[in-house]
Amino acid sequence: MVGIRPVTAADAAEFTAAARASRRLHRPWVTAPCDDAAFERHLARFDFQAHHGFVVEADGRLAGAIHLTNIVWGAFRSGYLGYYAFTGFEGRGLMTAGLNAVVRHAFQDLGLHRVEANIQPANAASLALVRRCGFSCEGFSPKYLKIGGRWRDHERWARLKR
């Protein structure tokens, strides 16, 4: 069984252990919080108004994380997605189920009109995930985000409420 739920302080030990074990999987795409201090900073970002943090659970274990952040209300009604699987849970469809659940929450519960994911062009797994989840490529942003100390190009993918 796969599900999503808000990330909490009680997740710290399992989350950071999974993030440490997943460093090779995540490099160079993302740096997940690997220690208590980093996890506290991570958790502090989520006010569950403009910034939402979720974990993906499978069989009672943390399989990954999905963030819906920088939500803009008003006429825009949009937010940005970030996500990563943990080692041992990748390639099993769990993040597809988790991302679809977060998108459903964004549209049905929060009332958003659009969600966007910005993905480095060489991140084949992430590109395949958004394609499976019904996102469309809207363009290319050179040097869009600074990750691992370098400004990196990204493709912009979005899904609109149907």
N, C-alpha and C. Protein backbone atom coordinates (compact mmCIF):
# COMPACT_ATOMS: atom_id res chain seq x y z
N MET A 1 0.84 -1.19 0.00
CA MET A 1 0.00 0.00 0.00
C MET A 1 0.89 1.25 0.00
N VAL A 2 0.56 2.19 -0.87
CA VAL A 2 1.31 3.44 -0.98
C VAL A 2 0.41 4.59 -0.55
N GLY A 3 0.97 5.53 0.21
CA GLY A 3 0.22 6.70 0.63
C GLY A 3 1.13 7.87 0.85
N ILE A 4 0.52 9.04 0.98
CA ILE A 4 1.26 10.24 1.34
C ILE A 4 0.70 10.78 2.64
N ARG A 5 1.53 11.51 3.35
CA ARG A 5 1.09 12.21 4.56
C ARG A 5 2.07 13.35 4.81
N PRO A 6 1.68 14.34 5.60
CA PRO A 6 2.61 15.42 5.92
C PRO A 6 3.83 14.89 6.67
N VAL A 7 4.98 15.44 6.34
CA VAL A 7 6.21 15.10 7.05
C VAL A 7 6.13 15.70 8.45
N THR A 8 6.64 14.98 9.46
CA THR A 8 6.61 15.47 10.84
C THR A 8 7.97 15.27 11.50
N ALA A 9 8.13 15.87 12.66
CA ALA A 9 9.37 15.73 13.42
C ALA A 9 9.64 14.26 13.78
N ALA A 10 8.59 13.47 13.92
CA ALA A 10 8.75 12.05 14.25
C ALA A 10 9.43 11.27 13.13
N ASP A 11 9.51 11.85 11.93
CA ASP A 11 10.15 11.19 10.79
C ASP A 11 11.66 11.38 10.76
N ALA A 12 12.20 12.19 11.64
CA ALA A 12 13.61 12.61 11.54
C ALA A 12 14.59 11.44 11.40
N ALA A 13 14.55 10.49 12.28
CA ALA A 13 15.56 9.41 12.27
C ALA A 13 15.46 8.58 11.00
N GLU A 14 14.25 8.15 10.64
CA GLU A 14 14.10 7.32 9.44
C GLU A 14 14.41 8.13 8.18
N PHE A 15 13.97 9.38 8.14
CA PHE A 15 14.18 10.23 6.97
C PHE A 15 15.66 10.48 6.73
N THR A 16 16.37 10.89 7.76
CA THR A 16 17.80 11.21 7.58
C THR A 16 18.61 9.96 7.26
N ALA A 17 18.25 8.82 7.85
CA ALA A 17 18.94 7.57 7.52
C ALA A 17 18.71 7.20 6.06
N ALA A 18 17.47 7.35 5.59
CA ALA A 18 17.15 7.06 4.19
C ALA A 18 17.86 8.03 3.26
N ALA A 19 17.94 9.30 3.65
CA ALA A 19 18.62 10.30 2.82
C ALA A 19 20.12 10.00 2.73
N ARG A 20 20.73 9.61 3.85
CA ARG A 20 22.17 9.26 3.83
C ARG A 20 22.40 8.05 2.91
N ALA A 21 21.55 7.06 3.01
CA ALA A 21 21.69 5.86 2.18
C ALA A 21 21.43 6.15 0.70
N SER A 22 20.78 7.28 0.41
CA SER A 22 20.38 7.61 -0.95
C SER A 22 21.27 8.65 -1.62
N ARG A 23 22.37 9.02 -0.98
CA ARG A 23 23.22 10.07 -1.55
C ARG A 23 23.64 9.79 -2.99
N ARG A 24 24.03 8.56 -3.26
CA ARG A 24 24.46 8.22 -4.62
C ARG A 24 23.29 8.34 -5.61
N LEU A 25 22.11 7.91 -5.21
CA LEU A 25 20.93 8.00 -6.06
C LEU A 25 20.58 9.47 -6.35
N HIS A 26 20.71 10.33 -5.37
CA HIS A 26 20.30 11.72 -5.50
C HIS A 26 21.32 12.60 -6.23
N ARG A 27 22.58 12.25 -6.16
CA ARG A 27 23.63 13.08 -6.75
C ARG A 27 23.58 13.02 -8.26
N PRO A 28 23.66 14.09 -9.00
CA PRO A 28 23.81 15.50 -8.60
C PRO A 28 22.50 16.27 -8.57
N TRP A 29 21.38 15.57 -8.55
CA TRP A 29 20.09 16.23 -8.73
C TRP A 29 19.61 17.00 -7.51
N VAL A 30 19.79 16.45 -6.34
CA VAL A 30 19.21 17.04 -5.13
C VAL A 30 20.05 16.63 -3.93
N THR A 31 19.99 17.44 -2.88
CA THR A 31 20.62 17.09 -1.61
C THR A 31 19.53 17.02 -0.55
N ALA A 32 19.21 15.83 -0.12
CA ALA A 32 18.18 15.64 0.91
C ALA A 32 18.82 15.82 2.29
N PRO A 33 18.05 16.23 3.29
CA PRO A 33 18.59 16.42 4.64
C PRO A 33 19.09 15.11 5.25
N CYS A 34 20.38 15.08 5.56
CA CYS A 34 21.03 13.84 6.02
C CYS A 34 21.39 13.83 7.50
N ASP A 35 21.10 14.90 8.22
CA ASP A 35 21.38 14.92 9.66
C ASP A 35 20.26 15.68 10.36
N ASP A 36 20.29 15.65 11.69
CA ASP A 36 19.20 16.25 12.46
C ASP A 36 19.04 17.74 12.20
N ALA A 37 20.13 18.47 12.13
CA ALA A 37 20.05 19.92 11.91
C ALA A 37 19.46 20.22 10.53
N ALA A 38 19.90 19.50 9.52
CA ALA A 38 19.37 19.70 8.17
C ALA A 38 17.88 19.34 8.12
N PHE A 39 17.50 18.27 8.82
CA PHE A 39 16.09 17.88 8.83
C PHE A 39 15.24 18.94 9.53
N GLU A 40 15.74 19.52 10.62
CA GLU A 40 15.00 20.58 11.32
C GLU A 40 14.79 21.78 10.40
N ARG A 41 15.81 22.16 9.64
CA ARG A 41 15.67 23.27 8.67
C ARG A 41 14.66 22.89 7.59
N HIS A 42 14.73 21.66 7.13
CA HIS A 42 13.80 21.15 6.12
C HIS A 42 12.36 21.24 6.64
N LEU A 43 12.13 20.73 7.82
CA LEU A 43 10.80 20.72 8.41
C LEU A 43 10.27 22.14 8.66
N ALA A 44 11.15 23.04 9.06
CA ALA A 44 10.76 24.42 9.38
C ALA A 44 10.22 25.17 8.15
N ARG A 45 10.56 24.70 6.95
CA ARG A 45 10.08 25.35 5.72
C ARG A 45 8.58 25.20 5.55
N PHE A 46 8.01 24.14 6.09
CA PHE A 46 6.64 23.78 5.77
C PHE A 46 5.65 24.39 6.75
N ASP A 47 4.91 25.39 6.26
CA ASP A 47 3.88 26.04 7.07
C ASP A 47 2.49 25.51 6.69
N PHE A 48 2.41 24.66 5.70
CA PHE A 48 1.18 24.06 5.19
C PHE A 48 0.16 25.12 4.79
N GLN A 49 0.74 26.23 4.29
CA GLN A 49 -0.06 27.26 3.63
C GLN A 49 0.57 27.54 2.27
N ALA A 50 1.78 28.11 2.29
CA ALA A 50 2.51 28.35 1.04
C ALA A 50 3.51 27.25 0.74
N HIS A 51 3.82 26.43 1.73
CA HIS A 51 4.83 25.38 1.59
C HIS A 51 4.35 24.11 2.30
N HIS A 52 4.20 23.04 1.51
CA HIS A 52 3.71 21.76 2.03
C HIS A 52 4.77 20.70 1.83
N GLY A 53 5.00 19.89 2.85
CA GLY A 53 5.96 18.80 2.74
C GLY A 53 5.29 17.47 3.04
N PHE A 54 5.53 16.49 2.19
CA PHE A 54 4.92 15.17 2.34
C PHE A 54 6.00 14.10 2.30
N VAL A 55 5.69 12.98 2.90
CA VAL A 55 6.47 11.77 2.70
C VAL A 55 5.59 10.78 1.97
N VAL A 56 6.25 9.95 1.18
CA VAL A 56 5.58 8.84 0.51
C VAL A 56 5.89 7.60 1.34
N GLU A 57 4.85 6.89 1.74
CA GLU A 57 5.03 5.68 2.54
C GLU A 57 4.62 4.46 1.74
N ALA A 58 5.39 3.40 1.90
CA ALA A 58 5.06 2.11 1.29
C ALA A 58 5.39 1.03 2.30
N ASP A 59 4.43 0.20 2.59
CA ASP A 59 4.64 -0.90 3.53
C ASP A 59 5.18 -0.40 4.87
N GLY A 60 4.68 0.76 5.32
CA GLY A 60 5.07 1.30 6.61
C GLY A 60 6.45 1.93 6.67
N ARG A 61 7.09 2.12 5.53
CA ARG A 61 8.43 2.74 5.49
C ARG A 61 8.41 3.96 4.58
N LEU A 62 9.34 4.88 4.83
CA LEU A 62 9.45 6.06 3.99
C LEU A 62 10.09 5.68 2.66
N ALA A 63 9.37 5.93 1.58
CA ALA A 63 9.84 5.61 0.23
C ALA A 63 10.36 6.83 -0.49
N GLY A 64 9.97 8.03 -0.05
CA GLY A 64 10.40 9.25 -0.71
C GLY A 64 9.77 10.47 -0.09
N ALA A 65 10.05 11.61 -0.70
CA ALA A 65 9.53 12.89 -0.22
C ALA A 65 9.05 13.70 -1.41
N ILE A 66 7.98 14.47 -1.19
CA ILE A 66 7.44 15.38 -2.21
C ILE A 66 7.12 16.70 -1.52
N HIS A 67 7.52 17.78 -2.16
CA HIS A 67 7.29 19.12 -1.61
C HIS A 67 6.48 19.93 -2.61
N LEU A 68 5.50 20.63 -2.13
CA LEU A 68 4.71 21.57 -2.92
C LEU A 68 4.94 22.92 -2.27
N THR A 69 5.73 23.77 -2.93
CA THR A 69 6.19 24.99 -2.28
C THR A 69 5.95 26.23 -3.14
N ASN A 70 6.20 27.37 -2.50
CA ASN A 70 6.10 28.68 -3.16
C ASN A 70 4.75 28.85 -3.85
N ILE A 71 3.71 28.44 -3.14
CA ILE A 71 2.36 28.58 -3.68
C ILE A 71 2.00 30.06 -3.75
N VAL A 72 1.49 30.45 -4.90
CA VAL A 72 1.01 31.81 -5.12
C VAL A 72 -0.50 31.70 -5.33
N TRP A 73 -1.24 32.47 -4.55
CA TRP A 73 -2.69 32.42 -4.65
C TRP A 73 -3.19 33.48 -5.62
N GLY A 74 -4.34 34.02 -5.39
CA GLY A 74 -4.89 35.04 -6.28
C GLY A 74 -5.21 34.46 -7.65
N ALA A 75 -4.91 35.22 -8.68
CA ALA A 75 -5.23 34.80 -10.05
C ALA A 75 -4.31 33.70 -10.54
N PHE A 76 -3.14 33.52 -9.91
CA PHE A 76 -2.16 32.53 -10.38
C PHE A 76 -2.49 31.12 -9.90
N ARG A 77 -2.70 30.95 -8.60
CA ARG A 77 -3.07 29.66 -7.97
C ARG A 77 -2.17 28.52 -8.43
N SER A 78 -0.88 28.69 -8.17
CA SER A 78 0.13 27.76 -8.67
C SER A 78 1.16 27.46 -7.59
N GLY A 79 1.81 26.30 -7.73
CA GLY A 79 2.89 25.94 -6.81
C GLY A 79 3.94 25.11 -7.53
N TYR A 80 5.08 24.94 -6.88
CA TYR A 80 6.22 24.24 -7.45
C TYR A 80 6.46 22.92 -6.71
N LEU A 81 6.78 21.90 -7.46
CA LEU A 81 7.01 20.57 -6.90
C LEU A 81 8.49 20.23 -6.88
N GLY A 82 8.89 19.55 -5.84
CA GLY A 82 10.20 18.93 -5.74
C GLY A 82 9.97 17.54 -5.15
N TYR A 83 10.84 16.59 -5.48
CA TYR A 83 10.60 15.23 -5.00
C TYR A 83 11.86 14.39 -5.16
N TYR A 84 11.91 13.31 -4.41
CA TYR A 84 12.96 12.31 -4.56
C TYR A 84 12.52 11.03 -3.87
N ALA A 85 12.94 9.92 -4.46
CA ALA A 85 12.72 8.60 -3.88
C ALA A 85 13.92 8.26 -3.00
N PHE A 86 13.74 7.33 -2.10
CA PHE A 86 14.85 6.82 -1.31
C PHE A 86 15.31 5.49 -1.91
N THR A 87 16.59 5.22 -1.74
CA THR A 87 17.19 4.00 -2.27
C THR A 87 16.41 2.78 -1.80
N GLY A 88 16.18 1.87 -2.74
CA GLY A 88 15.43 0.66 -2.47
C GLY A 88 13.96 0.78 -2.84
N PHE A 89 13.51 2.02 -3.06
CA PHE A 89 12.11 2.25 -3.41
C PHE A 89 11.95 2.82 -4.81
N GLU A 90 13.06 3.12 -5.48
CA GLU A 90 13.00 3.70 -6.81
C GLU A 90 12.59 2.63 -7.83
N GLY A 91 11.97 3.09 -8.92
CA GLY A 91 11.63 2.19 -10.01
C GLY A 91 10.50 1.22 -9.73
N ARG A 92 9.71 1.48 -8.71
CA ARG A 92 8.63 0.55 -8.35
C ARG A 92 7.24 1.19 -8.50
N GLY A 93 7.17 2.40 -9.04
CA GLY A 93 5.89 3.08 -9.23
C GLY A 93 5.39 3.80 -8.00
N LEU A 94 6.16 3.79 -6.93
CA LEU A 94 5.71 4.40 -5.67
C LEU A 94 5.68 5.93 -5.78
N MET A 95 6.69 6.51 -6.43
CA MET A 95 6.71 7.96 -6.57
C MET A 95 5.64 8.42 -7.57
N THR A 96 5.30 7.58 -8.55
CA THR A 96 4.20 7.91 -9.45
C THR A 96 2.91 8.02 -8.66
N ALA A 97 2.65 7.03 -7.81
CA ALA A 97 1.44 7.06 -6.97
C ALA A 97 1.48 8.25 -6.02
N GLY A 98 2.64 8.51 -5.41
CA GLY A 98 2.77 9.61 -4.48
C GLY A 98 2.59 10.96 -5.15
N LEU A 99 3.23 11.15 -6.30
CA LEU A 99 3.12 12.44 -7.00
C LEU A 99 1.69 12.67 -7.48
N ASN A 100 1.05 11.64 -8.00
CA ASN A 100 -0.35 11.80 -8.40
C ASN A 100 -1.23 12.16 -7.21
N ALA A 101 -0.95 11.60 -6.04
CA ALA A 101 -1.73 11.94 -4.84
C ALA A 101 -1.50 13.39 -4.41
N VAL A 102 -0.27 13.86 -4.48
CA VAL A 102 0.01 15.26 -4.11
C VAL A 102 -0.65 16.20 -5.11
N VAL A 103 -0.59 15.89 -6.39
CA VAL A 103 -1.23 16.73 -7.41
C VAL A 103 -2.74 16.76 -7.19
N ARG A 104 -3.33 15.61 -6.91
CA ARG A 104 -4.77 15.55 -6.61
C ARG A 104 -5.10 16.45 -5.41
N HIS A 105 -4.27 16.37 -4.36
CA HIS A 105 -4.46 17.21 -3.17
C HIS A 105 -4.36 18.70 -3.55
N ALA A 106 -3.37 19.03 -4.37
CA ALA A 106 -3.18 20.42 -4.79
C ALA A 106 -4.41 20.96 -5.52
N PHE A 107 -4.97 20.17 -6.40
CA PHE A 107 -6.10 20.62 -7.20
C PHE A 107 -7.42 20.54 -6.43
N GLN A 108 -7.68 19.43 -5.77
CA GLN A 108 -8.98 19.23 -5.13
C GLN A 108 -9.09 19.90 -3.77
N ASP A 109 -8.07 19.74 -2.93
CA ASP A 109 -8.15 20.25 -1.56
C ASP A 109 -7.68 21.69 -1.44
N LEU A 110 -6.58 22.02 -2.12
CA LEU A 110 -6.04 23.37 -2.01
C LEU A 110 -6.65 24.33 -3.03
N GLY A 111 -7.19 23.80 -4.10
CA GLY A 111 -7.80 24.66 -5.11
C GLY A 111 -6.80 25.30 -6.06
N LEU A 112 -5.63 24.68 -6.22
CA LEU A 112 -4.66 25.22 -7.18
C LEU A 112 -5.12 24.93 -8.60
N HIS A 113 -4.62 25.74 -9.53
CA HIS A 113 -4.93 25.58 -10.95
C HIS A 113 -3.77 24.92 -11.70
N ARG A 114 -2.55 25.05 -11.14
CA ARG A 114 -1.35 24.62 -11.86
C ARG A 114 -0.28 24.19 -10.86
N VAL A 115 0.45 23.14 -11.21
CA VAL A 115 1.65 22.76 -10.47
C VAL A 115 2.78 22.60 -11.48
N GLU A 116 3.97 22.95 -11.06
CA GLU A 116 5.13 22.97 -11.95
C GLU A 116 6.29 22.22 -11.31
N ALA A 117 7.02 21.49 -12.14
CA ALA A 117 8.25 20.82 -11.72
C ALA A 117 9.36 21.25 -12.67
N ASN A 118 10.47 21.68 -12.12
CA ASN A 118 11.63 22.08 -12.91
C ASN A 118 12.69 21.01 -12.75
N ILE A 119 13.14 20.45 -13.89
CA ILE A 119 13.95 19.24 -13.88
C ILE A 119 15.18 19.43 -14.75
N GLN A 120 16.32 19.00 -14.22
CA GLN A 120 17.55 19.05 -15.01
C GLN A 120 17.41 18.10 -16.19
N PRO A 121 17.80 18.54 -17.39
CA PRO A 121 17.56 17.76 -18.61
C PRO A 121 18.15 16.36 -18.61
N ALA A 122 19.21 16.10 -17.88
CA ALA A 122 19.82 14.77 -17.86
C ALA A 122 19.19 13.84 -16.82
N ASN A 123 18.23 14.32 -16.05
CA ASN A 123 17.59 13.51 -15.01
C ASN A 123 16.46 12.69 -15.64
N ALA A 124 16.83 11.62 -16.30
CA ALA A 124 15.88 10.80 -17.06
C ALA A 124 14.77 10.23 -16.18
N ALA A 125 15.09 9.81 -14.96
CA ALA A 125 14.08 9.22 -14.08
C ALA A 125 13.02 10.24 -13.71
N SER A 126 13.44 11.45 -13.40
CA SER A 126 12.49 12.50 -13.03
C SER A 126 11.63 12.92 -14.22
N LEU A 127 12.24 13.01 -15.38
CA LEU A 127 11.47 13.35 -16.59
C LEU A 127 10.43 12.27 -16.88
N ALA A 128 10.81 11.01 -16.73
CA ALA A 128 9.86 9.92 -16.96
C ALA A 128 8.72 9.98 -15.95
N LEU A 129 9.02 10.34 -14.70
CA LEU A 129 7.99 10.44 -13.67
C LEU A 129 6.95 11.49 -14.04
N VAL A 130 7.37 12.70 -14.40
CA VAL A 130 6.36 13.73 -14.70
C VAL A 130 5.57 13.38 -15.96
N ARG A 131 6.22 12.73 -16.92
CA ARG A 131 5.47 12.28 -18.11
C ARG A 131 4.37 11.30 -17.71
N ARG A 132 4.73 10.32 -16.84
CA ARG A 132 3.73 9.34 -16.39
C ARG A 132 2.58 10.01 -15.64
N CYS A 133 2.88 11.12 -15.00
CA CYS A 133 1.87 11.81 -14.19
C CYS A 133 1.11 12.88 -14.97
N GLY A 134 1.30 12.93 -16.29
CA GLY A 134 0.49 13.82 -17.12
C GLY A 134 0.97 15.24 -17.24
N PHE A 135 2.23 15.51 -16.91
CA PHE A 135 2.78 16.85 -17.06
C PHE A 135 3.18 17.09 -18.51
N SER A 136 3.20 18.36 -18.92
CA SER A 136 3.63 18.75 -20.26
C SER A 136 4.85 19.66 -20.15
N CYS A 137 5.78 19.50 -21.07
CA CYS A 137 6.97 20.36 -21.09
C CYS A 137 6.58 21.72 -21.65
N GLU A 138 6.92 22.76 -20.91
CA GLU A 138 6.58 24.12 -21.33
C GLU A 138 7.78 24.94 -21.77
N GLY A 139 8.98 24.44 -21.53
CA GLY A 139 10.13 25.21 -21.96
C GLY A 139 11.40 24.84 -21.24
N PHE A 140 12.42 25.65 -21.49
CA PHE A 140 13.77 25.43 -21.00
C PHE A 140 14.25 26.70 -20.30
N SER A 141 14.84 26.55 -19.13
CA SER A 141 15.35 27.68 -18.36
C SER A 141 16.84 27.51 -18.11
N PRO A 142 17.69 28.25 -18.84
CA PRO A 142 19.13 28.13 -18.61
C PRO A 142 19.52 28.64 -17.21
N LYS A 143 20.43 27.92 -16.58
CA LYS A 143 20.97 28.32 -15.26
C LYS A 143 19.85 28.73 -14.30
N TYR A 144 18.85 27.87 -14.18
CA TYR A 144 17.63 28.18 -13.42
C TYR A 144 17.81 28.10 -11.91
N LEU A 145 18.47 27.04 -11.43
CA LEU A 145 18.64 26.84 -9.99
C LEU A 145 20.09 26.51 -9.67
N LYS A 146 20.53 26.97 -8.50
CA LYS A 146 21.88 26.65 -8.04
C LYS A 146 21.81 25.39 -7.18
N ILE A 147 22.39 24.31 -7.70
CA ILE A 147 22.37 23.01 -7.03
C ILE A 147 23.80 22.49 -7.00
N GLY A 148 24.24 22.07 -5.82
CA GLY A 148 25.60 21.55 -5.70
C GLY A 148 26.65 22.59 -6.06
N GLY A 149 26.33 23.87 -5.79
CA GLY A 149 27.29 24.94 -6.04
C GLY A 149 27.37 25.42 -7.49
N ARG A 150 26.51 24.88 -8.37
CA ARG A 150 26.52 25.28 -9.78
C ARG A 150 25.12 25.68 -10.24
N TRP A 151 25.07 26.70 -11.08
CA TRP A 151 23.80 27.07 -11.70
C TRP A 151 23.50 26.04 -12.78
N ARG A 152 22.33 25.42 -12.69
CA ARG A 152 22.00 24.31 -13.59
C ARG A 152 20.76 24.63 -14.43
N ASP A 153 20.84 24.20 -15.68
CA ASP A 153 19.71 24.33 -16.60
C ASP A 153 18.58 23.40 -16.15
N HIS A 154 17.35 23.81 -16.48
CA HIS A 154 16.18 23.00 -16.15
C HIS A 154 15.14 23.07 -17.26
N GLU A 155 14.39 21.99 -17.40
CA GLU A 155 13.20 22.00 -18.22
C GLU A 155 12.02 22.29 -17.30
N ARG A 156 11.07 23.07 -17.80
CA ARG A 156 9.86 23.40 -17.04
C ARG A 156 8.73 22.49 -17.48
N TRP A 157 8.19 21.73 -16.53
CA TRP A 157 7.07 20.83 -16.78
C TRP A 157 5.90 21.25 -15.89
N ALA A 158 4.69 21.25 -16.42
CA ALA A 158 3.53 21.67 -15.63
C ALA A 158 2.33 20.77 -15.92
N ARG A 159 1.46 20.77 -14.94
CA ARG A 159 0.19 20.08 -15.10
C ARG A 159 -0.90 21.05 -14.64
N LEU A 160 -1.95 21.15 -15.42
CA LEU A 160 -3.05 22.04 -15.12
C LEU A 160 -4.24 21.24 -14.60
N LYS A 161 -5.03 21.90 -13.78
CA LYS A 161 -6.25 21.25 -13.29
C LYS A 161 -7.18 21.04 -14.49
N ARG A 162 -7.73 19.86 -14.57
CA ARG A 162 -8.62 19.54 -15.71
C ARG A 162 -10.04 19.89 -15.42
